[in-house]
Protein backbone atom coordinates (compact mmCIF):
# COMPACT_ATOMS: atom_id res chain seq x y z
CA MET A 1 94.85 107.34 118.16
CA GLY A 2 95.44 107.43 114.33
CA PHE A 3 97.25 110.38 113.80
CA GLY A 4 100.45 108.87 113.58
CA LEU A 5 99.50 106.54 110.78
CA LEU A 6 97.42 109.57 108.89
CA LEU A 7 100.35 111.22 108.81
CA ILE A 8 102.78 108.50 107.57
CA GLY A 9 99.75 107.68 105.01
CA TYR A 10 99.83 111.28 103.79
CA LEU A 11 103.72 111.35 103.54
CA ILE A 12 103.78 108.12 101.39
CA THR A 13 101.00 109.58 99.05
CA TYR A 14 102.10 113.06 98.67
CA ILE A 15 106.06 112.72 98.66
CA VAL A 16 106.96 109.07 98.74
CA ALA A 17 104.82 108.88 95.32
CA LEU A 18 106.70 111.43 93.60
CA ASN A 19 108.67 108.75 91.55
CA THR A 20 107.82 106.60 88.39
CA TYR A 21 106.41 104.06 90.32
CA GLY A 22 103.69 107.02 91.91
CA ALA A 23 100.46 105.07 91.78
CA ALA A 24 101.38 102.14 93.58
CA PHE A 25 102.85 104.19 96.52
CA ARG A 26 99.54 106.63 96.00
CA LEU A 27 97.70 103.33 96.62
CA LEU A 28 99.78 101.86 99.45
CA GLY A 29 99.62 105.36 100.82
CA TYR A 30 95.35 106.01 100.70
CA ILE A 31 94.97 102.37 102.01
CA VAL A 32 97.14 103.62 105.24
CA ILE A 33 95.15 107.06 105.31
CA ALA A 34 91.69 104.99 105.04
CA TYR A 35 92.45 102.49 108.02
CA ALA A 36 93.58 105.48 110.28
CA ALA A 37 90.78 107.66 109.24
CA PHE A 38 88.58 104.81 110.82
CA LYS A 39 90.39 104.47 113.82
CA LEU A 40 90.00 108.54 114.37
CA SER A 41 86.31 107.79 113.81
CA GLU A 42 85.83 106.30 117.02
CA TYR A 43 86.48 109.66 118.46
CA GLU A 44 84.80 112.34 115.50
CA ARG A 45 82.48 110.92 113.36
CA LYS A 46 83.35 113.37 110.26
CA PHE A 47 86.53 110.96 109.64
CA ARG A 48 84.42 108.45 108.69
CA LEU A 49 83.68 110.43 105.01
CA THR A 50 87.65 110.84 105.37
CA ALA A 51 87.93 106.92 105.31
CA TYR A 52 85.50 106.16 102.68
CA VAL A 53 86.94 108.92 99.67
CA SER A 54 90.67 107.75 100.81
CA ALA A 55 89.36 104.07 99.87
CA ALA A 56 87.56 105.42 96.51
CA LEU A 57 91.49 106.75 95.91
CA ALA A 58 92.61 103.70 96.38
CA LEU A 59 90.72 102.17 94.30
CA LEU A 60 91.51 104.95 91.54
CA SER A 61 95.30 104.19 92.29
CA ALA A 62 95.07 100.19 91.75
CA ILE A 63 93.21 101.34 88.47
CA SER A 64 95.97 103.44 87.62
CA THR A 65 98.82 100.85 88.63
CA ALA A 66 96.86 98.57 86.27
CA GLN A 67 96.97 101.01 83.82
CA PHE A 68 100.64 101.79 84.25
CA ILE A 69 101.18 97.71 83.91
CA CYS A 70 99.14 96.88 81.13
CA GLU A 71 100.82 100.06 79.10
CA HIS A 72 104.68 98.47 79.71
CA LEU A 73 103.71 95.14 78.64
CA TYR A 74 102.21 96.65 75.53
CA ASP A 75 105.33 99.15 74.63
CA ASN A 76 107.26 95.98 75.22
CA MET A 77 105.15 93.90 73.02
CA ILE A 78 104.09 91.29 75.68
CA LEU A 79 100.53 92.27 75.01
CA SER A 80 98.93 92.95 71.68
CA SER A 81 96.63 95.69 72.82
CA ASN A 82 96.13 97.63 75.78
CA PRO A 83 92.75 97.10 77.36
CA PHE A 84 92.89 101.38 78.91
CA GLY A 85 92.43 103.25 75.86
CA GLY A 86 93.27 106.96 75.26
CA ALA A 87 90.05 108.26 76.57
CA PHE A 88 90.58 106.54 79.80
CA ALA A 89 93.86 107.86 79.95
CA THR A 90 92.44 111.33 79.43
CA VAL A 91 89.67 111.09 81.67
CA MET A 92 91.48 109.65 84.88
CA PRO A 93 93.47 112.55 85.76
CA TYR A 94 90.60 114.72 86.22
CA ILE A 95 88.76 112.23 88.37
CA ASP A 96 91.67 111.72 90.62
CA ALA A 97 91.95 115.52 90.95
CA ILE A 98 88.53 115.92 92.02
CA GLY A 99 88.88 112.76 94.65
CA VAL A 100 92.17 114.59 96.03
CA PHE A 101 90.31 117.84 96.23
CA ALA A 102 87.64 116.19 98.17
CA LEU A 103 89.35 114.21 100.48
CA GLN A 104 91.54 117.34 101.58
CA LEU A 105 88.00 119.29 102.31
CA VAL A 106 86.74 116.05 104.41
CA LEU A 107 89.92 115.48 106.25
CA LEU A 108 90.24 119.28 107.35
CA LEU A 109 86.41 119.60 108.53
CA ALA A 110 86.84 116.53 110.53
CA ILE A 111 90.42 117.99 111.80
CA LYS A 112 88.60 121.62 112.49
CA LYS A 113 85.63 119.54 114.32
CA ILE A 114 87.95 117.49 116.55
CA ALA A 115 90.45 120.42 117.36
CA ARG A 116 87.26 122.58 118.21
CA ASP A 117 85.73 119.58 120.70
CA THR A 118 89.38 119.26 122.31
CA GLU A 119 89.68 123.09 122.37
CA VAL A 120 93.29 123.19 120.71
CA HIS A 121 92.35 126.55 119.00
CA ASN A 122 95.37 126.88 116.66
CA ILE A 123 95.00 123.40 114.77
CA GLU A 124 91.27 124.39 114.31
CA LEU A 125 92.63 128.18 112.67
CA ASN A 126 94.86 126.27 110.67
CA ALA A 127 92.60 123.83 109.63
CA GLY A 128 90.63 126.71 107.92
CA ARG A 129 93.82 128.57 106.48
CA ASN A 130 94.52 125.22 104.48
CA ILE A 131 90.75 124.89 103.43
CA PHE A 132 91.67 128.36 102.11
CA PHE A 133 95.22 127.01 100.30
CA VAL A 134 93.70 124.03 99.01
CA SER A 135 90.37 125.39 97.50
CA LEU A 136 92.82 128.34 95.98
CA TYR A 137 95.18 125.89 94.35
CA PHE A 138 92.37 123.71 92.89
CA ILE A 139 90.14 127.06 91.71
CA LEU A 140 92.81 128.33 89.69
CA SER A 141 94.03 124.87 88.35
CA VAL A 142 90.61 124.65 86.91
CA VAL A 143 90.66 127.99 85.56
CA GLY A 144 93.62 126.40 83.44
CA TYR A 145 91.28 123.72 82.02
CA LEU A 146 88.46 126.21 80.62
CA PRO A 147 88.20 127.20 77.00
CA LEU A 148 89.23 130.95 77.72
CA PRO A 149 90.54 133.22 75.38
CA PHE A 150 93.68 133.75 77.77
CA LYS A 151 94.30 130.53 78.34
CA GLU A 152 98.03 129.91 76.43
CA SER A 153 98.65 133.39 78.45
CA TYR A 154 97.28 131.89 81.91
CA ALA A 155 99.36 128.71 81.57
CA ARG A 156 102.48 130.72 81.06
CA TYR A 157 102.17 133.04 83.61
CA MET A 158 100.57 130.63 86.45
CA GLY A 159 102.86 127.72 85.82
CA LEU A 160 105.49 128.81 88.66
CA PRO A 161 102.85 130.43 91.29
CA LEU A 162 100.62 126.89 90.89
CA VAL A 163 103.63 124.95 91.56
CA ILE A 164 104.52 127.27 94.76
CA LEU A 165 101.06 126.98 96.23
CA TYR A 166 101.01 123.20 95.35
CA ILE A 167 104.22 122.33 97.69
CA ALA A 168 102.69 125.26 100.24
CA TRP A 169 99.35 123.39 100.75
CA ILE A 170 101.32 119.71 100.91
CA ALA A 171 103.61 121.56 103.45
CA PHE A 172 100.35 123.01 105.57
CA GLN A 173 98.80 119.72 105.42
CA ILE A 174 101.81 117.64 106.73
CA GLY A 175 102.24 120.26 109.26
CA ILE A 176 98.95 120.02 110.73
CA LEU A 177 98.66 116.51 110.82
CA PHE A 178 101.79 116.63 113.17
CA SER A 179 100.29 119.15 115.19
CA CYS A 180 97.21 116.80 115.76
CA TYR A 181 99.94 113.92 116.64
CA ALA A 182 101.33 116.05 119.09
CA ARG A 183 98.86 118.04 120.81
CA ILE A 184 95.79 115.70 120.31
CA CYS A 185 95.67 112.24 121.95
CA ASP A 186 93.45 109.77 123.79
CA GLU A 187 94.14 109.50 127.45
CA SER A 188 94.97 106.20 127.31
CA ASP A 189 97.90 106.61 124.64
CA VAL A 190 99.13 109.53 127.33
CA GLU A 191 98.99 107.08 130.14
CA MET A 192 100.76 104.16 128.60
CA GLU A 193 104.40 103.51 129.00
CA ARG A 194 106.82 103.55 126.38
CA LYS A 195 109.93 101.64 126.38
CA PRO A 196 112.87 103.40 125.76
CA SER A 197 114.82 103.30 122.45
CA ARG A 198 118.32 102.81 121.89
CA PHE A 199 119.07 105.67 120.03
CA ALA A 200 119.43 109.01 121.93
CA PHE A 201 118.09 111.26 119.31
CA VAL A 202 114.78 109.41 119.28
CA ASN A 203 114.28 109.26 123.02
CA LYS A 204 115.43 113.36 122.74
CA PHE A 205 112.98 113.83 120.04
CA ARG A 206 110.21 112.11 122.62
CA ALA A 207 111.29 114.09 125.62
CA GLU A 208 110.88 117.27 123.48
CA LEU A 209 107.41 116.11 122.28
CA ASP A 210 106.25 114.69 125.56
CA ALA A 211 107.08 118.27 126.90
CA LYS A 212 105.11 119.85 124.39
CA GLN A 213 101.98 117.50 124.55
CA GLU A 214 101.99 117.99 128.62
CA LYS A 215 102.54 122.05 127.74
CA ALA A 216 99.56 121.78 125.78
CA ARG A 217 97.15 119.82 128.39
CA ARG A 218 98.31 122.35 131.04
CA GLU A 219 97.37 125.39 128.87
CA SER A 220 93.65 123.26 128.04
CA GLU A 221 92.62 122.58 131.37
CA GLU A 222 93.89 126.37 132.34
CA TYR A 223 91.81 127.52 129.63
CA LYS A 224 88.51 125.56 130.56
CA ARG A 225 89.14 126.58 134.43
CA ALA A 226 89.31 130.19 133.25
CA LYS A 227 85.91 129.54 130.96
CA GLN A 228 84.30 128.00 133.96
CA GLU A 229 85.15 130.71 136.20
CA LYS A 230 83.96 133.84 133.88
CA ARG A 231 80.76 131.56 133.38
CA ARG A 232 80.44 131.34 137.41
CA GLU A 233 81.23 134.87 137.58
CA LYS A 234 78.69 135.99 134.68
CA LYS A 235 76.08 133.68 136.79
CA ASN A 236 76.62 135.17 140.22
CA ARG A 237 76.24 138.53 138.48
CA GLY A 238 72.93 137.75 137.15
CA LYS A 239 71.61 136.77 140.57
């Protein structure tokens, strides 16, 4: 359906990319996210915006990768000049931060909508929770860049809380994407026959995941039946 790819892209972008060559890994991650979002847009149109924002971030990551390469060549005196000036290096992080914030919001709004449509209410509620934490992190981060009289004290006391909040919203995002992968799936995906793995632990994990999906499907069907029954009873009382 696309949530598995989306999860992989997200992990590449925000976990694997935590190294010296982060820009290159983020480029790969955003491309995977964009492709997965386009696949998911077949089921929910809001994912198109996620794909567009991710594609824009992929372009920014490509530019950052080129900047990194040019700086390396310039430092090693292979290039006589660096085509990326100081102003570019100053502005890029702000543009990237705005793009990352936009991506989280449009992704969560799309998840919230598809979860509501498929009546997976826990995921819908968790999407709202994630919107709160993501927004809180970026608002508190922006405050640190404002020309306020307590700017130095703010940076000193809010440094650790912001790191913790950053880790928290990343973890929440990964968690909700895994929940979508486990609980929201296309009927054709459920009906496809799966070849068993050579590894016992993989088969065990798949069996546990299938059991959770089956439980979620039964709960969803029971919820729909109960809802329809209440509507019929209400209609009968009105006659």
